[in-house]
C-alpha atoms as a PDB file:
ATOM      1  CA  MET A   1       0.000   0.000   0.000  1.00  0.00           C
ATOM      2  CA  SER A   2       1.481   3.360  -0.994  1.00  0.00           C
ATOM      3  CA  ASP A   3       2.365   6.069   1.496  1.00  0.00           C
ATOM      4  CA  ARG A   4      -0.057   8.933   0.788  1.00  0.00           C
ATOM      5  CA  SER A   5       2.496  11.389   2.164  1.00  0.00           C
ATOM      6  CA  TYR A   6       5.042  10.356  -0.478  1.00  0.00           C
ATOM      7  CA  GLN A   7       5.802  12.956  -3.149  1.00  0.00           C
ATOM      8  CA  PRO A   8       7.549  11.675  -6.291  1.00  0.00           C
ATOM      9  CA  THR A   9      10.698  13.550  -7.243  1.00  0.00           C
ATOM     10  CA  VAL A  10      11.263  15.055 -10.660  1.00  0.00           C
ATOM     11  CA  VAL A  11      14.394  12.907 -10.934  1.00  0.00           C
ATOM     12  CA  GLY A  12      12.370   9.766 -10.351  1.00  0.00           C
ATOM     13  CA  LEU A  13       9.692  10.726 -12.853  1.00  0.00           C
ATOM     14  CA  ARG A  14      12.294  11.607 -15.504  1.00  0.00           C
ATOM     15  CA  ALA A  15      13.969   8.240 -14.960  1.00  0.00           C
ATOM     16  CA  PHE A  16      10.655   6.402 -15.377  1.00  0.00           C
ATOM     17  CA  VAL A  17       9.649   8.304 -18.534  1.00  0.00           C
ATOM     18  CA  ALA A  18      13.083   7.926 -20.141  1.00  0.00           C
ATOM     19  CA  ILE A  19      13.134   4.173 -19.468  1.00  0.00           C
ATOM     20  CA  ALA A  20       9.586   3.819 -20.783  1.00  0.00           C
ATOM     21  CA  ARG A  21      10.491   5.681 -23.963  1.00  0.00           C
ATOM     22  CA  LYS A  22      13.835   3.997 -24.663  1.00  0.00           C
ATOM     23  CA  ARG A  23      12.999   0.545 -23.236  1.00  0.00           C
ATOM     24  CA  HIS A  24      16.686   0.331 -22.404  1.00  0.00           C
ATOM     25  CA  PHE A  25      18.401   1.437 -19.187  1.00  0.00           C
ATOM     26  CA  GLY A  26      21.689   2.341 -20.860  1.00  0.00           C
ATOM     27  CA  SER A  27      20.030   4.487 -23.536  1.00  0.00           C
ATOM     28  CA  ALA A  28      17.784   6.172 -20.966  1.00  0.00           C
ATOM     29  CA  ALA A  29      20.767   6.968 -18.737  1.00  0.00           C
ATOM     30  CA  ALA A  30      22.668   8.443 -21.697  1.00  0.00           C
ATOM     31  CA  GLU A  31      19.700  10.615 -22.652  1.00  0.00           C
ATOM     32  CA  LEU A  32      19.458  12.026 -19.122  1.00  0.00           C
ATOM     33  CA  GLY A  33      23.215  12.382 -18.733  1.00  0.00           C
ATOM     34  CA  VAL A  34      23.422  10.178 -15.634  1.00  0.00           C
ATOM     35  CA  SER A  35      25.054   6.868 -14.807  1.00  0.00           C
ATOM     36  CA  GLN A  36      23.046   3.682 -15.163  1.00  0.00           C
ATOM     37  CA  PRO A  37      23.252   2.892 -11.410  1.00  0.00           C
ATOM     38  CA  SER A  38      21.902   6.381 -10.623  1.00  0.00           C
ATOM     39  CA  LEU A  39      19.049   5.837 -13.070  1.00  0.00           C
ATOM     40  CA  SER A  40      18.195   2.453 -11.537  1.00  0.00           C
ATOM     41  CA  GLN A  41      18.280   3.933  -8.057  1.00  0.00           C
ATOM     42  CA  ALA A  42      15.949   6.788  -9.036  1.00  0.00           C
ATOM     43  CA  LEU A  43      13.442   4.327 -10.509  1.00  0.00           C
ATOM     44  CA  SER A  44      13.665   2.025  -7.484  1.00  0.00           C
ATOM     45  CA  MET A  45      13.012   4.916  -5.102  1.00  0.00           C
ATOM     46  CA  LEU A  46       9.978   5.969  -7.175  1.00  0.00           C
ATOM     47  CA  GLU A  47       8.574   2.433  -7.187  1.00  0.00           C
ATOM     48  CA  GLU A  48       9.240   2.025  -3.471  1.00  0.00           C
ATOM     49  CA  GLY A  49       7.578   5.325  -2.615  1.00  0.00           C
ATOM     50  CA  LEU A  50       4.520   4.500  -4.706  1.00  0.00           C
ATOM     51  CA  SER A  51       4.506   0.814  -3.683  1.00  0.00           C
ATOM     52  CA  VAL A  52       3.949   0.089  -7.368  1.00  0.00           C
ATOM     53  CA  LYS A  53       6.099  -1.898  -9.761  1.00  0.00           C
ATOM     54  CA  LEU A  54       6.417   0.209 -12.890  1.00  0.00           C
ATOM     55  CA  VAL A  55       9.045  -1.612 -14.948  1.00  0.00           C
ATOM     56  CA  GLU A  56      10.001  -5.230 -15.534  1.00  0.00           C
ATOM     57  CA  ARG A  57      13.395  -6.062 -16.936  1.00  0.00           C
ATOM     58  CA  ASN A  58      15.567  -9.066 -17.607  1.00  0.00           C
ATOM     59  CA  THR A  59      18.829  -9.553 -19.449  1.00  0.00           C
ATOM     60  CA  ARG A  60      17.105  -9.192 -22.842  1.00  0.00           C
ATOM     61  CA  LYS A  61      14.414  -6.507 -22.640  1.00  0.00           C
ATOM     62  CA  VAL A  62      12.601  -3.888 -20.609  1.00  0.00           C
ATOM     63  CA  LEU A  63       8.815  -3.890 -20.304  1.00  0.00           C
ATOM     64  CA  LEU A  64       6.290  -1.663 -18.588  1.00  0.00           C
ATOM     65  CA  THR A  65       3.934  -3.320 -16.137  1.00  0.00           C
ATOM     66  CA  PRO A  66       0.198  -2.656 -16.571  1.00  0.00           C
ATOM     67  CA  GLU A  67       0.530  -0.155 -13.726  1.00  0.00           C
ATOM     68  CA  GLY A  68       3.446   1.491 -15.491  1.00  0.00           C
ATOM     69  CA  GLU A  69       1.455   1.764 -18.725  1.00  0.00           C
ATOM     70  CA  ALA A  70      -1.451   3.337 -16.826  1.00  0.00           C
ATOM     71  CA  LEU A  71       0.756   5.909 -15.062  1.00  0.00           C
ATOM     72  CA  LEU A  72       3.082   6.840 -17.933  1.00  0.00           C
ATOM     73  CA  GLU A  73       0.908   9.585 -19.461  1.00  0.00           C
ATOM     74  CA  LYS A  74       0.380  11.149 -16.038  1.00  0.00           C
ATOM     75  CA  ALA A  75       4.133  11.131 -15.429  1.00  0.00           C
ATOM     76  CA  ILE A  76       4.710  12.852 -18.783  1.00  0.00           C
ATOM     77  CA  ALA A  77       2.032  15.444 -17.965  1.00  0.00           C
ATOM     78  CA  ALA A  78       3.605  16.100 -14.570  1.00  0.00           C
ATOM     79  CA  LEU A  79       7.042  16.642 -16.120  1.00  0.00           C
ATOM     80  CA  ASN A  80       5.584  18.943 -18.772  1.00  0.00           C
ATOM     81  CA  SER A  81       4.022  21.016 -16.002  1.00  0.00           C
ATOM     82  CA  VAL A  82       7.351  21.203 -14.207  1.00  0.00           C
ATOM     83  CA  ASP A  83       9.116  22.251 -17.405  1.00  0.00           C
ATOM     84  CA  GLU A  84       6.520  24.921 -18.141  1.00  0.00           C
ATOM     85  CA  PHE A  85       6.778  26.195 -14.561  1.00  0.00           C
ATOM     86  CA  THR A  86      10.544  26.428 -14.951  1.00  0.00           C
ATOM     87  CA  SER A  87      10.180  28.160 -18.308  1.00  0.00           C
ATOM     88  CA  ALA A  88       7.727  30.669 -16.857  1.00  0.00           C
ATOM     89  CA  ALA A  89      10.060  31.358 -13.949  1.00  0.00           C
ATOM     90  CA  SER A  90      12.989  31.858 -16.299  1.00  0.00           C
ATOM     91  CA  GLY A  91      10.955  34.204 -18.476  1.00  0.00           C
ATOM     92  CA  VAL A  92      12.368  37.146 -16.561  1.00  0.00           C
ATOM     93  CA  ARG A  93      15.774  36.135 -17.868  1.00  0.00           C
ATOM     94  CA  ASP A  94      16.914  35.936 -21.478  1.00  0.00           C
ATOM     95  CA  PRO A  95      15.379  32.682 -22.834  1.00  0.00           C
ATOM     96  CA  PHE A  96      18.161  32.505 -25.415  1.00  0.00           C
ATOM     97  CA  ALA A  97      20.889  32.460 -22.791  1.00  0.00           C
ATOM     98  CA  GLN A  98      19.905  28.889 -21.903  1.00  0.00           C
ATOM     99  CA  THR A  99      19.655  25.495 -23.601  1.00  0.00           C
ATOM    100  CA  LEU A 100      17.354  25.280 -26.625  1.00  0.00           C
ATOM    101  CA  ARG A 101      16.335  21.819 -27.834  1.00  0.00           C
ATOM    102  CA  LEU A 102      15.564  22.196 -31.534  1.00  0.00           C
ATOM    103  CA  GLY A 103      14.078  19.537 -33.793  1.00  0.00           C
ATOM    104  CA  LEU A 104      14.027  19.524 -37.612  1.00  0.00           C
ATOM    105  CA  ILE A 105      12.539  17.172 -40.178  1.00  0.00           C
ATOM    106  CA  PRO A 106      15.043  15.339 -42.456  1.00  0.00           C
ATOM    107  CA  THR A 107      13.992  17.198 -45.615  1.00  0.00           C
ATOM    108  CA  VAL A 108      14.815  20.530 -43.972  1.00  0.00           C
ATOM    109  CA  ALA A 109      17.760  19.904 -41.647  1.00  0.00           C
ATOM    110  CA  PRO A 110      20.624  19.195 -44.119  1.00  0.00           C
ATOM    111  CA  TYR A 111      19.837  22.251 -46.222  1.00  0.00           C
ATOM    112  CA  VAL A 112      19.305  24.933 -43.565  1.00  0.00           C
ATOM    113  CA  LEU A 113      21.449  23.835 -40.618  1.00  0.00           C
ATOM    114  CA  PRO A 114      24.722  25.400 -41.851  1.00  0.00           C
ATOM    115  CA  MET A 115      23.306  28.927 -41.915  1.00  0.00           C
ATOM    116  CA  VAL A 116      21.013  28.340 -38.923  1.00  0.00           C
ATOM    117  CA  LEU A 117      23.781  27.119 -36.625  1.00  0.00           C
ATOM    118  CA  SER A 118      26.171  29.934 -37.509  1.00  0.00           C
ATOM    119  CA  GLY A 119      23.413  32.552 -37.342  1.00  0.00           C
ATOM    120  CA  LEU A 120      22.100  31.430 -33.959  1.00  0.00           C
ATOM    121  CA  SER A 121      25.635  31.353 -32.608  1.00  0.00           C
ATOM    122  CA  ARG A 122      26.193  34.953 -33.684  1.00  0.00           C
ATOM    123  CA  GLU A 123      22.833  36.202 -32.444  1.00  0.00           C
ATOM    124  CA  PHE A 124      22.723  34.251 -29.165  1.00  0.00           C
ATOM    125  CA  PRO A 125      26.320  33.504 -28.112  1.00  0.00           C
ATOM    126  CA  GLU A 126      25.260  32.320 -24.638  1.00  0.00           C
ATOM    127  CA  MET A 127      22.717  29.805 -25.932  1.00  0.00           C
ATOM    128  CA  SER A 128      23.486  26.079 -25.802  1.00  0.00           C
ATOM    129  CA  LEU A 129      21.818  24.380 -28.780  1.00  0.00           C
ATOM    130  CA  ARG A 130      20.810  20.722 -28.986  1.00  0.00           C
ATOM    131  CA  VAL A 131      19.650  19.538 -32.410  1.00  0.00           C
ATOM    132  CA  THR A 132      17.477  16.506 -33.229  1.00  0.00           C
ATOM    133  CA  GLU A 133      16.654  15.388 -36.784  1.00  0.00           C
ATOM    134  CA  ASP A 134      13.630  13.094 -37.038  1.00  0.00           C
ATOM    135  CA  GLN A 135      10.359  12.469 -38.805  1.00  0.00           C
ATOM    136  CA  THR A 136       7.361  14.674 -38.061  1.00  0.00           C
ATOM    137  CA  ASN A 137       5.417  12.270 -35.856  1.00  0.00           C
ATOM    138  CA  ARG A 138       8.411  11.517 -33.656  1.00  0.00           C
ATOM    139  CA  LEU A 139       9.261  15.199 -33.317  1.00  0.00           C
ATOM    140  CA  LEU A 140       5.676  15.924 -32.259  1.00  0.00           C
ATOM    141  CA  ARG A 141       5.887  13.117 -29.710  1.00  0.00           C
ATOM    142  CA  SER A 142       9.123  14.552 -28.335  1.00  0.00           C
ATOM    143  CA  LEU A 143       7.508  17.987 -28.068  1.00  0.00           C
ATOM    144  CA  ALA A 144       4.551  16.504 -26.193  1.00  0.00           C
ATOM    145  CA  GLU A 145       6.874  14.599 -23.868  1.00  0.00           C
ATOM    146  CA  GLY A 146       8.919  17.713 -23.160  1.00  0.00           C
ATOM    147  CA  THR A 147      12.211  16.445 -24.597  1.00  0.00           C
ATOM    148  CA  LEU A 148      12.153  19.137 -27.334  1.00  0.00           C
ATOM    149  CA  ASP A 149      11.367  22.837 -27.002  1.00  0.00           C
ATOM    150  CA  VAL A 150      10.609  23.688 -30.640  1.00  0.00           C
ATOM    151  CA  ALA A 151      10.678  21.960 -34.009  1.00  0.00           C
ATOM    152  CA  VAL A 152      10.944  23.121 -37.619  1.00  0.00           C
ATOM    153  CA  MET A 153       8.555  21.160 -39.834  1.00  0.00           C
ATOM    154  CA  ALA A 154       5.986  21.378 -42.607  1.00  0.00           C
ATOM    155  CA  LEU A 155       2.664  22.994 -41.723  1.00  0.00           C
ATOM    156  CA  PRO A 156      -0.057  22.509 -40.747  1.00  0.00           C
ATOM    157  CA  VAL A 157       0.549  19.925 -38.020  1.00  0.00           C
ATOM    158  CA  GLN A 158      -3.060  19.771 -36.768  1.00  0.00           C
ATOM    159  CA  THR A 159      -2.039  18.206 -33.473  1.00  0.00           C
ATOM    160  CA  GLN A 160      -3.865  19.012 -30.269  1.00  0.00           C
ATOM    161  CA  GLY A 161      -1.765  20.906 -27.754  1.00  0.00           C
ATOM    162  CA  MET A 162       0.637  22.309 -30.341  1.00  0.00           C
ATOM    163  CA  ALA A 163       1.000  25.881 -31.615  1.00  0.00           C
ATOM    164  CA  GLU A 164       2.646  26.760 -34.908  1.00  0.00           C
ATOM    165  CA  ILE A 165       4.299  29.889 -36.306  1.00  0.00           C
ATOM    166  CA  PRO A 166       4.542  29.924 -40.129  1.00  0.00           C
ATOM    167  CA  MET A 167       8.015  30.999 -41.314  1.00  0.00           C
ATOM    168  CA  TYR A 168       8.337  30.602 -45.084  1.00  0.00           C
ATOM    169  CA  ARG A 169       6.986  28.922 -48.198  1.00  0.00           C
ATOM    170  CA  GLU A 170       9.190  27.014 -50.636  1.00  0.00           C
ATOM    171  CA  ASP A 171       8.421  25.669 -54.089  1.00  0.00           C
ATOM    172  CA  PHE A 172       8.746  22.071 -55.149  1.00  0.00           C
ATOM    173  CA  VAL A 173      11.140  21.343 -58.017  1.00  0.00           C
ATOM    174  CA  LEU A 174      11.080  18.246 -60.201  1.00  0.00           C
ATOM    175  CA  ALA A 175      14.372  16.336 -60.044  1.00  0.00           C
ATOM    176  CA  LEU A 176      15.245  14.486 -63.261  1.00  0.00           C
ATOM    177  CA  PRO A 177      18.137  12.402 -64.577  1.00  0.00           C
ATOM    178  CA  SER A 178      20.705  14.448 -66.451  1.00  0.00           C
ATOM    179  CA  GLY A 179      19.786  14.565 -70.126  1.00  0.00           C
ATOM    180  CA  HIS A 180      16.048  14.049 -69.543  1.00  0.00           C
ATOM    181  CA  PRO A 181      13.898  15.758 -72.243  1.00  0.00           C
ATOM    182  CA  LEU A 182      12.257  17.981 -69.612  1.00  0.00           C
ATOM    183  CA  ALA A 183      15.545  19.078 -68.003  1.00  0.00           C
ATOM    184  CA  GLY A 184      15.573  22.834 -67.610  1.00  0.00           C
ATOM    185  CA  SER A 185      11.872  23.262 -68.356  1.00  0.00           C
ATOM    186  CA  THR A 186      10.160  26.110 -66.514  1.00  0.00           C
ATOM    187  CA  ASN A 187       6.487  25.447 -67.135  1.00  0.00           C
ATOM    188  CA  ILE A 188       5.745  21.789 -66.465  1.00  0.00           C
ATOM    189  CA  GLU A 189       2.375  20.838 -64.986  1.00  0.00           C
ATOM    190  CA  PRO A 190       1.729  18.444 -62.073  1.00  0.00           C
ATOM    191  CA  ALA A 191      -0.318  16.374 -64.548  1.00  0.00           C
ATOM    192  CA  ASP A 192       2.940  15.619 -66.390  1.00  0.00           C
ATOM    193  CA  LEU A 193       3.915  13.396 -63.446  1.00  0.00           C
ATOM    194  CA  ALA A 194       1.418  10.803 -64.653  1.00  0.00           C
ATOM    195  CA  ASP A 195       3.860   9.765 -67.387  1.00  0.00           C
ATOM    196  CA  MET A 196       6.927   9.417 -65.154  1.00  0.00           C
ATOM    197  CA  PRO A 197       7.973   6.862 -62.517  1.00  0.00           C
ATOM    198  CA  LEU A 198       7.764   8.847 -59.279  1.00  0.00           C
ATOM    199  CA  LEU A 199      10.203   7.931 -56.514  1.00  0.00           C
ATOM    200  CA  LEU A 200       8.960   8.531 -52.964  1.00  0.00           C
ATOM    201  CA  LEU A 201      10.454   8.593 -49.500  1.00  0.00           C
ATOM    202  CA  ASP A 202       9.467   5.927 -46.969  1.00  0.00           C
ATOM    203  CA  GLU A 203       6.255   6.113 -44.961  1.00  0.00           C
ATOM    204  CA  GLY A 204       6.476   8.687 -42.176  1.00  0.00           C
ATOM    205  CA  HIS A 205       8.219  11.371 -44.230  1.00  0.00           C
ATOM    206  CA  CYS A 206       5.912  14.331 -44.759  1.00  0.00           C
ATOM    207  CA  LEU A 207       7.493  15.005 -48.181  1.00  0.00           C
ATOM    208  CA  ARG A 208       6.081  11.676 -49.363  1.00  0.00           C
ATOM    209  CA  ASP A 209       2.560  12.770 -48.399  1.00  0.00           C
ATOM    210  CA  GLN A 210       3.100  16.200 -49.961  1.00  0.00           C
ATOM    211  CA  ALA A 211       4.231  14.682 -53.279  1.00  0.00           C
ATOM    212  CA  LEU A 212       1.177  12.442 -53.388  1.00  0.00           C
ATOM    213  CA  GLU A 213      -1.042  15.433 -52.566  1.00  0.00           C
ATOM    214  CA  VAL A 214       0.390  17.347 -55.536  1.00  0.00           C
ATOM    215  CA  CYS A 215      -0.622  14.460 -57.785  1.00  0.00           C
ATOM    216  CA  GLN A 216      -4.032  14.129 -56.171  1.00  0.00           C
ATOM    217  CA  LEU A 217      -4.820  17.819 -56.591  1.00  0.00           C
ATOM    218  CA  ALA A 218      -3.824  17.546 -60.248  1.00  0.00           C
ATOM    219  CA  GLY A 219      -6.198  14.619 -60.664  1.00  0.00           C
ATOM    220  CA  VAL A 220      -3.503  12.176 -61.745  1.00  0.00           C
ATOM    221  CA  ARG A 221      -2.503   8.783 -60.458  1.00  0.00           C
ATOM    222  CA  PRO A 222       1.303   8.724 -60.553  1.00  0.00           C
ATOM    223  CA  ASP A 223       3.341   5.794 -61.749  1.00  0.00           C
ATOM    224  CA  LEU A 224       4.947   5.000 -58.415  1.00  0.00           C
ATOM    225  CA  GLY A 225       8.415   3.587 -58.830  1.00  0.00           C
ATOM    226  CA  HIS A 226       9.302   0.366 -57.046  1.00  0.00           C
ATOM    227  CA  THR A 227      12.193   2.109 -55.289  1.00  0.00           C
ATOM    228  CA  ARG A 228      11.606   3.849 -51.966  1.00  0.00           C
ATOM    229  CA  ALA A 229      14.251   5.820 -50.101  1.00  0.00           C
ATOM    230  CA  ALA A 230      14.844   6.535 -46.425  1.00  0.00           C
ATOM    231  CA  SER A 231      16.369   9.937 -47.200  1.00  0.00           C
ATOM    232  CA  LEU A 232      16.050  12.619 -49.848  1.00  0.00           C
ATOM    233  CA  ALA A 233      19.739  12.218 -50.711  1.00  0.00           C
ATOM    234  CA  THR A 234      19.145   8.544 -51.523  1.00  0.00           C
ATOM    235  CA  ALA A 235      16.091   9.381 -53.644  1.00  0.00           C
ATOM    236  CA  VAL A 236      18.175  11.884 -55.599  1.00  0.00           C
ATOM    237  CA  GLN A 237      20.896   9.303 -56.200  1.00  0.00           C
ATOM    238  CA  CYS A 238      18.265   6.923 -57.566  1.00  0.00           C
ATOM    239  CA  VAL A 239      17.062   9.671 -59.901  1.00  0.00           C
ATOM    240  CA  GLU A 240      20.630  10.262 -61.074  1.00  0.00           C
ATOM    241  CA  GLY A 241      20.821   6.520 -61.785  1.00  0.00           C
ATOM    242  CA  GLY A 242      17.791   6.716 -64.049  1.00  0.00           C
ATOM    243  CA  LEU A 243      15.285   4.950 -61.779  1.00  0.00           C
ATOM    244  CA  GLY A 244      12.690   7.717 -61.955  1.00  0.00           C
ATOM    245  CA  VAL A 245      11.964  11.294 -60.919  1.00  0.00           C
ATOM    246  CA  THR A 246      11.154  12.892 -57.583  1.00  0.00           C
ATOM    247  CA  LEU A 247      10.040  16.170 -56.040  1.00  0.00           C
ATOM    248  CA  ILE A 248      12.536  18.112 -53.965  1.00  0.00           C
ATOM    249  CA  PRO A 249      12.029  21.330 -51.979  1.00  0.00           C
ATOM    250  CA  GLY A 250      13.639  24.523 -53.242  1.00  0.00           C
ATOM    251  CA  THR A 251      16.075  24.641 -50.320  1.00  0.00           C
ATOM    252  CA  ALA A 252      17.538  21.289 -51.431  1.00  0.00           C
ATOM    253  CA  VAL A 253      18.287  22.197 -55.054  1.00  0.00           C
ATOM    254  CA  THR A 254      21.770  23.713 -54.626  1.00  0.00           C
ATOM    255  CA  ALA A 255      23.099  20.857 -52.488  1.00  0.00           C
ATOM    256  CA  GLU A 256      21.525  18.025 -54.465  1.00  0.00           C
ATOM    257  CA  THR A 257      22.558  19.304 -57.901  1.00  0.00           C
ATOM    258  CA  ALA A 258      26.180  20.035 -56.891  1.00  0.00           C
ATOM    259  CA  SER A 259      27.480  16.728 -58.301  1.00  0.00           C
ATOM    260  CA  GLY A 260      26.262  17.583 -61.796  1.00  0.00           C
ATOM    261  CA  GLY A 261      24.372  14.326 -62.257  1.00  0.00           C
ATOM    262  CA  LEU A 262      20.932  15.757 -61.530  1.00  0.00           C
ATOM    263  CA  ALA A 263      18.753  17.986 -63.686  1.00  0.00           C
ATOM    264  CA  THR A 264      15.728  19.969 -62.556  1.00  0.00           C
ATOM    265  CA  ALA A 265      12.545  21.449 -63.990  1.00  0.00           C
ATOM    266  CA  THR A 266      10.201  23.976 -62.427  1.00  0.00           C
ATOM    267  CA  PHE A 267       6.421  24.074 -62.410  1.00  0.00           C
ATOM    268  CA  ALA A 268       4.096  26.582 -64.033  1.00  0.00           C
ATOM    269  CA  GLU A 269       1.940  28.799 -61.837  1.00  0.00           C
ATOM    270  CA  PRO A 270       0.465  28.006 -59.393  1.00  0.00           C
ATOM    271  CA  VAL A 271       3.664  26.294 -58.300  1.00  0.00           C
ATOM    272  CA  PRO A 272       3.153  23.433 -55.808  1.00  0.00           C
ATOM    273  CA  GLY A 273       5.098  23.794 -52.601  1.00  0.00           C
ATOM    274  CA  ARG A 274       4.954  23.624 -48.835  1.00  0.00           C
ATOM    275  CA  ARG A 275       4.963  25.909 -45.796  1.00  0.00           C
ATOM    276  CA  ILE A 276       7.611  25.516 -43.133  1.00  0.00           C
ATOM    277  CA  GLY A 277       7.135  26.752 -39.607  1.00  0.00           C
ATOM    278  CA  LEU A 278       8.104  26.541 -35.962  1.00  0.00           C
ATOM    279  CA  VAL A 279       6.017  24.255 -33.723  1.00  0.00           C
ATOM    280  CA  TYR A 280       5.953  24.201 -29.932  1.00  0.00           C
ATOM    281  CA  ARG A 281       3.682  23.254 -27.020  1.00  0.00           C
ATOM    282  CA  ALA A 282       0.696  25.601 -26.871  1.00  0.00           C
ATOM    283  CA  ILE A 283       0.991  25.951 -23.088  1.00  0.00           C
ATOM    284  CA  SER A 284       4.537  27.277 -23.336  1.00  0.00           C
ATOM    285  CA  ALA A 285       5.246  30.597 -21.659  1.00  0.00           C
ATOM    286  CA  ARG A 286       7.740  31.537 -24.392  1.00  0.00           C
ATOM    287  CA  GLU A 287       5.459  32.529 -27.236  1.00  0.00           C
ATOM    288  CA  ASP A 288       7.123  35.916 -27.759  1.00  0.00           C
ATOM    289  CA  ALA A 289      10.593  34.377 -27.692  1.00  0.00           C
ATOM    290  CA  TYR A 290       9.601  31.705 -30.210  1.00  0.00           C
ATOM    291  CA  ARG A 291       8.114  34.335 -32.536  1.00  0.00           C
ATOM    292  CA  ARG A 292      11.447  36.128 -32.392  1.00  0.00           C
ATOM    293  CA  LEU A 293      13.228  32.834 -33.104  1.00  0.00           C
ATOM    294  CA  ALA A 294      10.933  32.093 -36.065  1.00  0.00           C
ATOM    295  CA  GLU A 295      11.665  35.502 -37.560  1.00  0.00           C
ATOM    296  CA  LEU A 296      15.415  35.008 -37.191  1.00  0.00           C
ATOM    297  CA  LEU A 297      15.317  31.511 -38.719  1.00  0.00           C
ATOM    298  CA  THR A 298      13.315  32.858 -41.653  1.00  0.00           C
ATOM    299  CA  GLN A 299      15.839  35.619 -42.243  1.00  0.00           C
ATOM    300  CA  LEU A 300      18.754  33.174 -42.113  1.00  0.00           C
ATOM    301  CA  VAL A 301      17.171  30.725 -44.565  1.00  0.00           C
ATOM    302  CA  SER A 302      15.843  33.345 -46.998  1.00  0.00           C
ATOM    303  CA  ALA A 303      19.274  34.965 -47.208  1.00  0.00           C
ATOM    304  CA  VAL A 304      20.586  31.805 -48.891  1.00  0.00           C
ATOM    305  CA  HIS A 305      17.624  29.954 -50.398  1.00  0.00           C
ATOM    306  CA  PRO A 306      14.768  30.989 -52.747  1.00  0.00           C
ATOM    307  CA  VAL A 307      11.964  30.931 -50.178  1.00  0.00           C
ATOM    308  CA  THR A 308       9.110  33.358 -49.557  1.00  0.00           C
ATOM    309  CA  ALA A 309       8.934  34.706 -46.022  1.00  0.00           C
ATOM    310  CA  ASP A 310       5.566  34.352 -44.323  1.00  0.00           C
ATOM    311  CA  ILE A 311       4.671  37.500 -42.399  1.00  0.00           C
ATOM    312  CA  ALA A 312       2.439  35.381 -40.156  1.00  0.00           C
ATOM    313  CA  TYR A 313       5.335  34.969 -37.746  1.00  0.00           C
ATOM    314  CA  ARG A 314       4.618  38.539 -36.672  1.00  0.00           C
ATOM    315  CA  GLN A 315       1.084  37.551 -35.691  1.00  0.00           C
ATOM    316  CA  ARG A 316      -0.274  35.266 -32.997  1.00  0.00           C
ATOM    317  CA  PRO A 317       0.652  31.617 -33.570  1.00  0.00           C
ATOM    318  CA  ARG A 318      -1.981  29.198 -34.813  1.00  0.00           C
ATOM    319  CA  ILE A 319      -3.193  26.761 -32.156  1.00  0.00           C
ATOM    320  CA  SER A 320      -4.950  23.496 -32.949  1.00  0.00           C
ATOM    321  CA  SER A 321      -8.750  23.777 -33.017  1.00  0.00           C
ATOM    322  CA  ALA A 322      -9.183  21.564 -29.958  1.00  0.00           C
ATOM    323  CA  ARG A 323      -6.874  23.819 -27.978  1.00  0.00           C
ATOM    324  CA  ALA A 324      -8.555  26.962 -29.299  1.00  0.00           C
ATOM    325  CA  ASP A 325     -11.994  25.686 -28.330  1.00  0.00           C
ATOM    326  CA  SER A 326     -10.872  25.049 -24.782  1.00  0.00           C
ATOM    327  CA  ALA A 327      -9.470  28.570 -24.541  1.00  0.00           C
ATOM    328  CA  ARG A 328     -12.790  30.221 -25.355  1.00  0.00           C
END
């Protein structure tokens, strides 16, 4: 029977959530920056105080008990509240003189990180930056769990509890093998994709869904190639090898065409594209700071790449409809 006077510690809750997420004590300890014995001790103290077994482990795997599964979401919510309390308390200080945990999707990160990292370093020399590259759904999960502060991804996210600040729009460009008859064209139509084998990224990449949406809006059923890639760089290499064509964002063109083996063609108006923005937890106390960050990121990217800045970052961020309804 649990001691009703017991109050779980933040350390114990973080240990439990990290173990539940990683399902591995070593990986969880590395994520939290503690030793494995310290992690085990923190979990044991939490279980002892609650008189509840949360985790089962043997030499091969780590499992959550039914009680652990039932309490995990509440532990995550408690830690999010602690993090938001800390953020609110630190609001009187410069939020960019601390650690910022930034996530980016894989079809953005390689092409904007060079200018983003150098620009943030110049603008906020006291800030410690931690960068995570991952697919949209996993970034959103990390935001919800409090292991990321903000993430750069394609909009809209339409996820309850998240707010988004649009930053810029970029066009899609058709990537073709060198020597393709359409290489260099400037007025192709999305309907033209019906006659070409279209290479897509794996499930989970938002660029895959966006490419299929372009075809759907054009009323065509694309000839999907049998090759699927885990990264945009791999898809481009397959295009160079003559396996098909693919859509790439405007920010990727310079890097992906540098080898000389890739040709491109641009679409006629209205040009298909995507909006990129900054996403964060809607309950965050750092809305003003994140608007400032979104504006800076937009300036850094637009100074190098052909993107169109979205003035919406000067306005109030968009919050998911479920969150907005609850705020009324």
